[in-house]
Amino acid sequence: MRRRPLLALAPALALAACTAEEPGADPTGDGPSDSGGSSDTGGASDAGGATEPTEAPTTEPPTAAEQLLESLSPRELAGQLVLVGIPAGTEVPQEVLTEHHAGGLFLLQVWESAETVEATLAIAQELARPDLPALIAVDQEGGQVRMLRGDAARRTPSAEELGAQGVEATTEAYTSIGEDLSALGIHVALAPVADVVDPALGGANEPVGGLDRGFGTEPEAVGEHVVAATTALEEQGVAATLKHFPGLGRVEQNTDFSAEGIEDEITGPEDPFLESFRAGIEAGAQLVMMSSAIYPQLEPEVPSMFSSAAIEDLLRGSLGFEGLVVTDDIGAAKAVADVPVPERATRLLEAGGDVVLTADASLTGQLVDAIEDWAARGQEQQRRVRESAGRMLALKQQLGLLAE
């Protein structure tokens, strides 16, 4: 079942901030002029005088997400665009939610106790504004990449194993993942991996092939597994995240640990390796995670998460994605270590992305400060922050987090 696209839930969100710049944007203003407006009365009077009553244009009532957006302060808007990592065995820093109003949390390292996960998430929701719950996410791909283990979640095979076993195995595995996450109160799986591994690299492709995270080396086959995983998660009420756009299957080094060996010289706008992402988008995936690698065929010397060519032109334009665009980790990753912390947030927004993920919770205040200050610079920046916050709230509404 395809869900209503995120942007469709919030058409008024951007309009509220940019009406002065876009005088034709009012959805109620075009109706009479499109149908002829007062000029229609000439024909009616020629036919005998009295005019037919004109029906007033109808507009849908605002959604819960749209109403909530209007109530948020500038800092709360900015905070919604940051997801903060919480390592296993640690407590949620109170200021992350009470002062910085982070949009949500994601679980780091290995959590082996369902009771601990549930207690941590309960505390998080107590700290959050009551009508603005935290979005909770976790890396739960299967195989080596499973943050939830022990009695917190069942073991599932790696993507490489699933790719060999067939699509039905992927459906079964991701149904299991979705059930486990839903039972714990986790809303988003930071999975599946949609990267197509270059067969010439195989295991030498450290971020994907070397960790058995890829479904295969052929785009169509990978796409079938991505669709199965996305659909299975959605059927359990869990949102899927396609990663790592536009693909990490051709780089040698892992962007978490290296700033070298992370250029993909081949991937471009017409690359067949993009088809697995297209398949996941068409299947209804609600989030896409950008990679930290560099793609000279798209935008030289610019990590894809900061590239408007990758986000606006390719992902949103060519592939038609309307959901939430998030970064890979920008807190501890070596690939962006040379980028000043504030710019890690604002460059994403400038490129058309929405939410930054930081594995380092201590950076939360700096990131939210940067977004809030950037939004205050002008109408275009304010519009972008509201647009992205609107997407976050629309996702929360779709997942049942907001009161109707």
Protein backbone atom coordinates (compact mmCIF):
# COMPACT_ATOMS: atom_id res chain seq x y z
CA MET A 1 0.00 0.00 0.00
CA ARG A 2 1.41 3.35 -1.01
CA ARG A 3 1.15 6.03 1.64
CA ARG A 4 0.19 9.57 0.84
CA PRO A 5 3.42 11.39 -0.13
CA LEU A 6 4.85 13.48 2.69
CA LEU A 7 4.69 16.74 0.80
CA ALA A 8 1.06 16.14 -0.04
CA LEU A 9 0.33 16.35 3.66
CA ALA A 10 1.80 19.79 4.00
CA PRO A 11 1.15 21.99 0.98
CA ALA A 12 0.39 24.99 3.14
CA LEU A 13 3.57 24.74 5.17
CA ALA A 14 5.88 26.42 2.70
CA LEU A 15 3.16 28.76 1.49
CA ALA A 16 2.72 30.30 4.90
CA ALA A 17 6.30 31.52 4.85
CA CYS A 18 6.59 32.61 1.23
CA THR A 19 3.23 34.07 0.18
CA ALA A 20 4.78 37.49 -0.24
CA GLU A 21 7.35 36.08 -2.63
CA GLU A 22 4.92 33.89 -4.56
CA PRO A 23 1.72 35.82 -5.13
CA GLY A 24 0.19 33.00 -7.16
CA ALA A 25 0.75 30.36 -4.54
CA ASP A 26 -2.59 30.68 -2.72
CA PRO A 27 -4.50 27.51 -3.64
CA THR A 28 -7.82 29.30 -3.24
CA GLY A 29 -6.91 32.28 -5.42
CA ASP A 30 -6.76 30.58 -8.81
CA GLY A 31 -10.24 29.02 -8.83
CA PRO A 32 -12.38 31.99 -9.91
CA SER A 33 -9.86 33.31 -12.45
CA ASP A 34 -9.33 29.85 -13.95
CA SER A 35 -13.05 29.49 -14.46
CA GLY A 36 -13.43 32.94 -15.93
CA GLY A 37 -14.18 34.97 -12.79
CA SER A 38 -16.61 37.84 -13.26
CA SER A 39 -16.25 37.65 -17.04
CA ASP A 40 -18.58 34.62 -16.94
CA THR A 41 -21.46 36.90 -15.96
CA GLY A 42 -21.45 38.46 -19.42
CA GLY A 43 -22.42 35.18 -21.00
CA ALA A 44 -25.02 34.50 -18.33
CA SER A 45 -26.72 37.90 -18.68
CA ASP A 46 -26.77 37.58 -22.46
CA ALA A 47 -28.65 34.35 -21.97
CA GLY A 48 -31.33 35.89 -19.82
CA GLY A 49 -30.05 37.91 -16.92
CA ALA A 50 -29.75 35.96 -13.70
CA THR A 51 -26.42 34.32 -13.08
CA GLU A 52 -25.88 30.83 -11.79
CA PRO A 53 -24.64 30.76 -8.18
CA THR A 54 -20.93 30.11 -8.11
CA GLU A 55 -19.66 27.45 -5.73
CA ALA A 56 -16.96 28.70 -3.42
CA PRO A 57 -13.68 26.84 -3.88
CA THR A 58 -13.21 24.19 -1.22
CA THR A 59 -10.02 23.65 0.73
CA GLU A 60 -9.05 20.73 2.90
CA PRO A 61 -8.84 21.47 6.62
CA PRO A 62 -5.27 21.74 7.92
CA THR A 63 -3.68 18.48 8.99
CA ALA A 64 -2.38 17.90 12.50
CA ALA A 65 1.15 18.39 11.15
CA GLU A 66 0.24 21.72 9.54
CA GLN A 67 -1.45 22.99 12.69
CA LEU A 68 1.48 21.94 14.85
CA LEU A 69 3.95 23.62 12.52
CA GLU A 70 2.26 26.96 13.14
CA SER A 71 2.69 26.59 16.90
CA LEU A 72 6.43 25.91 16.93
CA SER A 73 8.97 28.53 17.94
CA PRO A 74 11.99 29.20 15.70
CA ARG A 75 14.12 27.01 17.97
CA GLU A 76 11.61 24.18 17.97
CA LEU A 77 11.51 24.33 14.17
CA ALA A 78 15.29 24.14 14.04
CA GLY A 79 15.44 21.32 16.55
CA GLN A 80 13.11 19.15 14.49
CA LEU A 81 15.86 18.93 11.88
CA VAL A 82 18.33 17.10 14.13
CA LEU A 83 18.33 13.41 15.12
CA VAL A 84 20.67 12.52 17.98
CA GLY A 85 22.46 9.24 18.61
CA ILE A 86 22.14 7.57 22.03
CA PRO A 87 24.79 4.91 22.74
CA ALA A 88 23.77 1.72 24.53
CA GLY A 89 24.09 1.99 28.28
CA THR A 90 23.78 5.78 28.38
CA GLU A 91 20.97 8.09 29.33
CA VAL A 92 19.27 10.58 27.04
CA PRO A 93 20.80 14.00 27.75
CA GLN A 94 17.83 16.04 28.96
CA GLU A 95 18.82 19.21 27.13
CA VAL A 96 18.68 17.40 23.79
CA LEU A 97 14.89 17.37 24.02
CA THR A 98 14.01 20.03 26.61
CA GLU A 99 16.31 22.82 25.42
CA HIS A 100 17.25 21.90 21.86
CA HIS A 101 13.95 20.20 20.90
CA ALA A 102 15.63 17.54 18.77
CA GLY A 103 13.31 15.93 16.27
CA GLY A 104 14.24 12.50 17.53
CA LEU A 105 16.83 9.96 18.54
CA PHE A 106 18.57 6.96 17.03
CA LEU A 107 20.03 4.06 18.98
CA LEU A 108 23.78 3.44 18.72
CA GLN A 109 25.95 0.43 19.50
CA VAL A 110 24.41 -2.83 20.69
CA TRP A 111 21.28 -2.92 22.85
CA GLU A 112 20.55 -6.42 24.15
CA SER A 113 17.71 -5.73 26.58
CA ALA A 114 14.21 -4.92 25.42
CA GLU A 115 13.48 -3.60 28.91
CA THR A 116 16.37 -1.13 28.69
CA VAL A 117 15.30 0.05 25.24
CA GLU A 118 11.72 0.59 26.38
CA ALA A 119 12.79 2.43 29.53
CA THR A 120 15.12 4.70 27.58
CA LEU A 121 12.48 5.55 25.02
CA ALA A 122 9.88 6.18 27.72
CA ILE A 123 12.21 8.73 29.32
CA ALA A 124 12.80 10.35 25.95
CA GLN A 125 9.09 10.82 25.34
CA GLU A 126 8.62 12.23 28.84
CA LEU A 127 11.27 14.85 28.08
CA ALA A 128 9.79 15.82 24.72
CA ARG A 129 7.02 18.38 24.32
CA PRO A 130 3.82 16.36 24.93
CA ASP A 131 2.29 17.10 21.53
CA LEU A 132 5.63 16.73 19.73
CA PRO A 133 6.97 13.22 20.43
CA ALA A 134 10.49 12.23 19.47
CA LEU A 135 10.94 10.17 16.32
CA ILE A 136 12.93 7.03 17.20
CA ALA A 137 15.16 5.26 14.68
CA VAL A 138 17.71 2.45 14.66
CA ASP A 139 20.13 0.73 12.28
CA GLN A 140 18.62 -2.74 12.01
CA GLU A 141 19.68 -4.21 8.68
CA GLY A 142 20.44 -7.77 9.75
CA GLY A 143 23.74 -9.63 9.71
CA GLN A 144 26.56 -7.60 11.24
CA VAL A 145 24.58 -4.34 11.35
CA ARG A 146 22.08 -4.94 14.14
CA MET A 147 21.92 -2.46 16.98
CA LEU A 148 19.19 -4.52 18.63
CA ARG A 149 20.15 -8.02 19.78
CA GLY A 150 19.51 -10.35 22.70
CA ASP A 151 15.88 -10.20 23.74
CA ALA A 152 15.49 -6.77 22.09
CA ALA A 153 15.24 -8.26 18.57
CA ARG A 154 15.55 -11.51 16.71
CA ARG A 155 18.55 -12.27 14.56
CA THR A 156 18.03 -11.81 10.84
CA PRO A 157 20.38 -12.67 7.97
CA SER A 158 22.60 -10.13 6.26
CA ALA A 159 21.48 -8.51 3.02
CA GLU A 160 24.08 -10.56 1.16
CA GLU A 161 22.58 -13.77 2.52
CA LEU A 162 19.07 -12.58 1.72
CA GLY A 163 20.11 -11.66 -1.80
CA ALA A 164 21.22 -15.24 -2.33
CA GLN A 165 18.14 -16.76 -0.69
CA GLY A 166 15.54 -14.81 -2.66
CA VAL A 167 12.94 -12.09 -2.29
CA GLU A 168 10.66 -14.18 -0.06
CA ALA A 169 13.49 -14.46 2.47
CA THR A 170 13.85 -10.68 2.49
CA THR A 171 10.14 -10.24 3.09
CA GLU A 172 10.29 -12.67 6.00
CA ALA A 173 13.39 -11.04 7.53
CA TYR A 174 12.10 -7.49 7.27
CA THR A 175 8.69 -8.49 8.57
CA SER A 176 10.53 -9.78 11.63
CA ILE A 177 12.53 -6.55 11.90
CA GLY A 178 9.38 -4.46 11.57
CA GLU A 179 7.58 -6.49 14.24
CA ASP A 180 10.46 -6.15 16.68
CA LEU A 181 10.86 -2.40 16.16
CA SER A 182 7.15 -1.74 16.40
CA ALA A 183 6.91 -3.71 19.64
CA LEU A 184 9.62 -1.53 21.19
CA GLY A 185 8.11 1.76 20.07
CA ILE A 186 10.70 2.42 17.35
CA HIS A 187 9.30 4.24 14.34
CA VAL A 188 12.04 4.17 11.69
CA ALA A 189 14.40 1.50 10.43
CA LEU A 190 17.59 3.00 9.03
CA ALA A 191 17.38 0.29 6.38
CA PRO A 192 17.36 -1.21 3.79
CA VAL A 193 20.67 -0.66 2.04
CA ALA A 194 19.89 0.07 -1.60
CA ASP A 195 23.53 0.32 -2.69
CA VAL A 196 24.53 -1.91 -5.61
CA VAL A 197 28.00 -3.37 -5.00
CA ASP A 198 30.41 -3.13 -7.91
CA PRO A 199 31.28 -6.76 -8.74
CA ALA A 200 34.84 -5.67 -9.54
CA LEU A 201 35.23 -4.60 -5.91
CA GLY A 202 33.17 -7.12 -3.97
CA GLY A 203 34.52 -7.32 -0.45
CA ALA A 204 37.02 -4.55 -1.20
CA ASN A 205 34.04 -2.22 -1.11
CA GLU A 206 34.44 -1.68 2.64
CA PRO A 207 31.21 0.13 3.59
CA VAL A 208 28.88 -2.35 1.90
CA GLY A 209 30.47 -5.40 0.30
CA GLY A 210 33.00 -5.85 3.08
CA LEU A 211 30.23 -6.04 5.68
CA ASP A 212 27.77 -8.18 3.64
CA ARG A 213 25.31 -5.27 3.62
CA GLY A 214 24.39 -5.36 -0.08
CA PHE A 215 21.65 -7.46 -1.65
CA GLY A 216 23.74 -7.98 -4.77
CA THR A 217 25.65 -6.60 -7.73
CA GLU A 218 22.81 -6.26 -10.25
CA PRO A 219 20.52 -3.22 -9.97
CA GLU A 220 17.24 -4.91 -10.89
CA ALA A 221 17.74 -7.77 -8.43
CA VAL A 222 18.79 -5.38 -5.66
CA GLY A 223 15.71 -3.29 -6.40
CA GLU A 224 13.42 -6.29 -5.93
CA HIS A 225 14.86 -6.92 -2.47
CA VAL A 226 14.65 -3.23 -1.58
CA VAL A 227 10.96 -3.22 -2.52
CA ALA A 228 10.35 -6.36 -0.44
CA ALA A 229 12.11 -4.86 2.59
CA THR A 230 10.37 -1.50 2.28
CA THR A 231 6.94 -3.07 1.92
CA ALA A 232 7.46 -5.47 4.81
CA LEU A 233 8.50 -2.66 7.15
CA GLU A 234 5.59 -0.46 6.13
CA GLU A 235 3.12 -3.28 6.76
CA GLN A 236 4.36 -3.30 10.37
CA GLY A 237 3.96 0.47 10.70
CA VAL A 238 7.69 1.15 10.49
CA ALA A 239 9.16 3.64 8.01
CA ALA A 240 11.97 2.47 5.72
CA THR A 241 15.12 4.45 4.95
CA LEU A 242 16.86 3.87 1.63
CA LYS A 243 20.61 4.30 1.93
CA HIS A 244 23.18 5.54 0.98
CA PHE A 245 22.11 7.73 -1.95
CA PRO A 246 23.32 7.85 -4.68
CA GLY A 247 25.17 4.66 -3.73
CA LEU A 248 28.26 3.50 -1.82
CA GLY A 249 28.81 0.36 -3.89
CA ARG A 250 31.72 1.77 -5.90
CA VAL A 251 33.86 3.36 -3.18
CA GLU A 252 36.66 1.54 -1.42
CA GLN A 253 36.74 3.13 2.05
CA ASN A 254 34.07 3.56 4.70
CA THR A 255 33.12 7.23 5.08
CA ASP A 256 32.68 6.74 8.83
CA PHE A 257 36.39 6.04 9.20
CA SER A 258 38.12 7.66 6.24
CA ALA A 259 38.17 10.85 4.19
CA GLU A 260 40.25 9.11 1.50
CA GLY A 261 39.09 6.55 -1.05
CA ILE A 262 35.52 7.84 -0.93
CA GLU A 263 35.15 9.18 -4.49
CA ASP A 264 32.91 7.41 -6.97
CA GLU A 265 34.04 8.48 -10.42
CA ILE A 266 31.29 6.62 -12.29
CA THR A 267 27.87 7.28 -10.77
CA GLY A 268 26.00 9.98 -12.67
CA PRO A 269 22.43 11.08 -13.42
CA GLU A 270 21.71 8.19 -15.82
CA ASP A 271 23.53 5.46 -13.94
CA PRO A 272 21.77 2.06 -13.82
CA PHE A 273 22.93 1.63 -10.20
CA LEU A 274 20.29 4.23 -9.26
CA GLU A 275 17.46 1.89 -10.22
CA SER A 276 17.38 0.16 -6.84
CA PHE A 277 16.74 3.53 -5.20
CA ARG A 278 14.05 4.32 -7.75
CA ALA A 279 12.36 1.00 -6.97
CA GLY A 280 12.37 1.73 -3.24
CA ILE A 281 10.96 5.21 -3.77
CA GLU A 282 8.16 3.86 -5.94
CA ALA A 283 7.45 1.25 -3.24
CA GLY A 284 6.77 4.04 -0.76
CA ALA A 285 9.99 4.48 1.24
CA GLN A 286 9.54 7.53 3.44
CA LEU A 287 13.18 8.45 4.07
CA VAL A 288 16.36 8.51 2.03
CA MET A 289 19.79 8.75 3.65
CA MET A 290 22.47 10.60 1.69
CA SER A 291 25.99 9.26 1.54
CA SER A 292 29.05 11.24 2.61
CA ALA A 293 31.01 10.15 -0.47
CA ILE A 294 31.87 12.41 -3.40
CA TYR A 295 30.50 11.95 -6.94
CA PRO A 296 32.36 14.08 -9.53
CA GLN A 297 29.81 13.21 -12.22
CA LEU A 298 27.19 14.98 -10.11
CA GLU A 299 29.12 17.72 -8.29
CA PRO A 300 32.92 17.58 -7.99
CA GLU A 301 34.53 17.80 -4.55
CA VAL A 302 31.18 18.00 -2.72
CA PRO A 303 29.86 15.18 -0.47
CA SER A 304 26.46 14.14 -1.80
CA MET A 305 24.71 15.22 1.41
CA PHE A 306 25.77 18.79 0.64
CA SER A 307 25.11 18.60 -3.11
CA SER A 308 22.04 20.23 -4.66
CA ALA A 309 22.81 18.27 -7.84
CA ALA A 310 22.43 15.04 -5.87
CA ILE A 311 19.44 16.07 -3.74
CA GLU A 312 17.38 18.60 -5.68
CA ASP A 313 18.20 17.63 -9.25
CA LEU A 314 18.63 13.88 -9.02
CA LEU A 315 16.80 12.58 -5.94
CA ARG A 316 13.87 14.97 -5.84
CA GLY A 317 13.84 15.89 -9.52
CA SER A 318 14.67 12.83 -11.61
CA LEU A 319 13.59 10.19 -9.08
CA GLY A 320 10.61 12.15 -7.74
CA PHE A 321 11.27 11.59 -4.04
CA GLU A 322 9.06 13.78 -1.81
CA GLY A 323 9.91 12.41 1.63
CA LEU A 324 12.47 13.15 4.33
CA VAL A 325 16.11 13.44 3.21
CA VAL A 326 18.55 12.72 6.03
CA THR A 327 22.32 12.60 6.32
CA ASP A 328 24.54 9.76 7.30
CA ASP A 329 26.31 10.56 10.58
CA ILE A 330 27.81 14.05 10.61
CA GLY A 331 28.89 13.93 14.25
CA ALA A 332 31.79 11.50 14.31
CA ALA A 333 32.28 10.56 10.63
CA LYS A 334 35.79 11.20 9.25
CA ALA A 335 34.39 12.15 5.83
CA VAL A 336 33.05 15.48 7.16
CA ALA A 337 35.47 16.09 10.01
CA ASP A 338 36.99 19.08 8.20
CA VAL A 339 33.59 20.78 7.77
CA PRO A 340 32.77 23.19 10.62
CA VAL A 341 29.96 21.80 12.77
CA PRO A 342 27.43 24.56 11.97
CA GLU A 343 27.97 24.10 8.23
CA ARG A 344 27.19 20.39 8.48
CA ALA A 345 23.58 21.41 9.08
CA THR A 346 23.24 24.52 6.93
CA ARG A 347 24.93 23.04 3.87
CA LEU A 348 22.44 20.18 3.91
CA LEU A 349 19.54 22.63 4.01
CA GLU A 350 21.05 24.75 1.24
CA ALA A 351 21.28 21.64 -0.91
CA GLY A 352 17.63 20.76 -0.32
CA GLY A 353 17.99 18.14 2.42
CA ASP A 354 16.08 18.03 5.67
CA VAL A 355 17.60 16.37 8.74
CA VAL A 356 21.12 15.84 10.11
CA LEU A 357 22.06 12.79 12.16
CA THR A 358 24.77 13.17 14.77
CA ALA A 359 26.30 10.28 16.66
CA ASP A 360 27.85 12.86 19.00
CA ALA A 361 25.04 14.17 21.21
CA SER A 362 27.27 16.97 22.50
CA LEU A 363 26.99 18.68 19.10
CA THR A 364 23.20 19.00 19.30
CA GLY A 365 23.18 22.57 20.62
CA GLN A 366 25.64 23.79 17.98
CA LEU A 367 23.62 22.23 15.19
CA VAL A 368 20.29 23.64 16.39
CA ASP A 369 21.88 27.06 16.97
CA ALA A 370 23.24 27.01 13.42
CA ILE A 371 19.87 26.13 11.89
CA GLU A 372 18.01 28.72 13.95
CA ASP A 373 20.54 31.45 13.06
CA TRP A 374 20.49 30.45 9.39
CA ALA A 375 16.68 30.64 9.28
CA ALA A 376 16.84 34.19 10.67
CA ARG A 377 18.98 35.39 7.75
CA GLY A 378 16.12 35.83 5.31
CA GLN A 379 12.85 34.64 3.85
CA GLU A 380 14.38 31.93 1.68
CA GLN A 381 16.25 30.38 4.61
CA GLN A 382 13.15 30.59 6.79
CA ARG A 383 11.10 28.93 4.05
CA ARG A 384 13.60 26.07 3.75
CA VAL A 385 13.59 25.38 7.49
CA ARG A 386 9.78 25.41 7.61
CA GLU A 387 9.61 23.16 4.57
CA SER A 388 11.92 20.59 6.13
CA ALA A 389 10.25 20.82 9.54
CA GLY A 390 6.94 20.29 7.73
CA ARG A 391 8.27 17.08 6.22
CA MET A 392 9.40 15.86 9.62
CA LEU A 393 6.01 16.60 11.17
CA ALA A 394 4.19 14.99 8.24
CA LEU A 395 6.23 11.83 8.76
CA LYS A 396 5.41 11.85 12.46
CA GLN A 397 1.73 12.21 11.60
CA GLN A 398 1.88 9.32 9.13
CA LEU A 399 3.46 7.15 11.80
CA GLY A 400 0.73 7.99 14.30
CA LEU A 401 2.82 10.16 16.61
CA LEU A 402 0.66 13.27 16.40
CA ALA A 403 -2.78 13.70 17.95
CA GLU A 404 -5.40 14.14 15.25
